[in-house]
Structure formats: C-alpha cells, structure tokens
Amino acid sequence: MNLCFEYLYRDSENYKNWGEIVFSNKENISTEVISKKIIDNIEEGMYFSANDLNVKDLRPFELDPLVDHDRHEFHCCTLTSDKVTDPLGRDISTILQYITAGKKKL
C-alpha cells in the first residue's frame, strides 16, 4: 500500500491550509515506524520546511513577514490504495532517509 502524508500550514491568525501527498511505500513500512521517524527528526516533533522536503508549499500568497513563518506541520500518515501523487514519484523511504540524515535540501 502507498502512504498518504498529511500536513498543514498554520499562519499567525491560526488559519489552517491542509494538504496531503501520496508516496509509494515499496518496503511496506508501518505507519507507526514512519510517524516515529518523522516526529523524532523534525523540529519540535512537528515542524518542517515544505521547500526542504520538496512538497507543495501551503502558505497563502499574502503573508505578514513580521509574524508569519515558513514552517509546515506534520499531521499524520496513513496507508492508502490511492495512486502516488508525488510529482517526483518518490518512495517514503527516500523521505525518511532525508529526514533522518538532517540534510538541508532533498
């Protein structure tokens, strides 16, 4: 089964913009293992840069640079039979390797 990675952007006024991306999961890694690796390796267990992971940036066009930020929040991941939506066709294992290596850019 593939894996649906759910995340959101929350601006300074608590407006939330939700997104998801489906990655392949060729190694059939459990959602528990995936979630733990993500949470253990991102800022405060929830924040990441969409740009660093090369996923869609969910920020609205108009931001107040004095109070808004570029951090997205990891929400959860679930197994799905949906088709892969990642434009790069990546497997979740690639994302996990990147996150756990602490690289600057994928």
Protein backbone atom coordinates (compact mmCIF):
# COMPACT_ATOMS: atom_id res chain seq x y z
CA MET A 1 0.00 0.00 0.00
CA ASN A 2 1.03 3.58 -0.59
CA LEU A 3 1.35 6.17 2.13
CA CYS A 4 -0.60 9.42 2.50
CA PHE A 5 1.46 12.14 4.23
CA GLU A 6 -0.85 14.79 5.71
CA TYR A 7 0.43 18.21 6.67
CA LEU A 8 -0.74 21.78 7.10
CA TYR A 9 0.30 25.38 7.21
CA ARG A 10 -0.98 27.46 10.14
CA ASP A 11 -0.49 31.23 9.87
CA SER A 12 -0.22 33.77 12.68
CA GLU A 13 -4.01 34.11 12.87
CA ASN A 14 -4.43 30.32 13.17
CA TYR A 15 -5.76 29.98 9.61
CA LYS A 16 -5.05 26.42 8.51
CA ASN A 17 -4.43 25.22 4.98
CA TRP A 18 -4.34 21.42 4.73
CA GLY A 19 -2.52 19.31 2.19
CA GLU A 20 -1.54 15.75 1.51
CA ILE A 21 0.79 13.88 -0.75
CA VAL A 22 0.84 10.18 -1.54
CA PHE A 23 4.21 8.44 -1.69
CA SER A 24 4.87 4.85 -2.67
CA ASN A 25 5.76 2.51 0.19
CA LYS A 26 7.56 -0.34 -1.56
CA GLU A 27 9.11 -1.62 1.67
CA ASN A 28 5.69 -1.71 3.39
CA ILE A 29 6.96 0.28 6.35
CA SER A 30 4.28 0.60 9.03
CA THR A 31 2.69 3.97 9.70
CA GLU A 32 3.87 3.73 13.31
CA VAL A 33 7.52 3.42 12.25
CA ILE A 34 7.18 6.18 9.65
CA SER A 35 5.47 8.57 12.05
CA LYS A 36 8.03 7.94 14.79
CA LYS A 37 10.97 8.56 12.44
CA ILE A 38 9.39 11.77 11.20
CA ILE A 39 8.46 13.07 14.65
CA ASP A 40 11.88 12.17 16.10
CA ASN A 41 13.72 14.03 13.35
CA ILE A 42 11.83 17.25 12.66
CA GLU A 43 11.78 20.47 14.65
CA GLU A 44 9.83 20.08 17.90
CA GLY A 45 8.39 16.83 16.57
CA MET A 46 6.07 18.62 14.17
CA TYR A 47 7.63 21.41 12.05
CA PHE A 48 9.39 21.17 8.71
CA SER A 49 10.03 23.27 5.64
CA ALA A 50 7.95 22.25 2.63
CA ASN A 51 10.76 23.57 0.47
CA ASP A 52 13.29 21.27 2.17
CA LEU A 53 11.10 18.20 1.60
CA ASN A 54 10.21 19.38 -1.89
CA VAL A 55 6.47 19.16 -1.26
CA LYS A 56 3.80 21.74 -2.08
CA ASP A 57 4.09 24.93 -0.04
CA LEU A 58 0.68 25.54 1.53
CA ARG A 59 1.27 29.13 2.60
CA PRO A 60 -1.20 31.70 1.27
CA PHE A 61 0.11 34.29 -1.14
CA GLU A 62 -0.15 37.19 1.26
CA LEU A 63 1.91 36.78 4.40
CA ASP A 64 2.96 39.21 7.05
CA PRO A 65 6.72 38.61 7.27
CA LEU A 66 6.80 40.05 10.78
CA VAL A 67 4.56 37.33 12.22
CA ASP A 68 4.22 34.57 9.62
CA HIS A 69 6.80 31.86 9.02
CA ASP A 70 7.75 29.17 6.50
CA ARG A 71 7.18 26.15 8.75
CA HIS A 72 4.60 23.50 7.96
CA GLU A 73 3.24 20.98 10.47
CA PHE A 74 3.30 17.23 10.10
CA HIS A 75 -0.15 15.89 10.96
CA CYS A 76 -0.12 12.14 10.29
CA CYS A 77 0.43 9.42 7.75
CA THR A 78 -1.94 6.67 6.73
CA LEU A 79 -1.82 3.71 4.41
CA THR A 80 -3.84 4.16 1.25
CA SER A 81 -4.64 2.42 -2.01
CA ASP A 82 -4.69 5.84 -3.72
CA LYS A 83 -2.25 6.42 -6.55
CA VAL A 84 1.06 8.18 -5.91
CA THR A 85 0.61 11.95 -6.20
CA ASP A 86 4.21 12.97 -5.52
CA PRO A 87 5.28 14.66 -8.78
CA LEU A 88 8.76 13.22 -8.27
CA GLY A 89 7.40 9.69 -7.76
CA ARG A 90 9.36 9.21 -4.53
CA ASP A 91 9.05 6.37 -2.07
CA ILE A 92 8.50 7.22 1.61
CA SER A 93 11.85 5.54 2.37
CA THR A 94 13.56 8.36 0.43
CA ILE A 95 11.81 10.96 2.57
CA LEU A 96 12.76 9.10 5.76
CA GLN A 97 16.40 8.85 4.68
CA TYR A 98 16.44 12.58 4.01
CA ILE A 99 14.77 13.50 7.30
CA THR A 100 16.96 11.25 9.43
CA ALA A 101 20.15 12.43 7.70
CA GLY A 102 19.34 16.05 8.57
CA LYS A 103 20.16 17.28 5.07
CA LYS A 104 19.46 20.84 4.03
CA LYS A 105 17.68 20.10 0.76
CA LEU A 106 16.16 16.99 -0.83
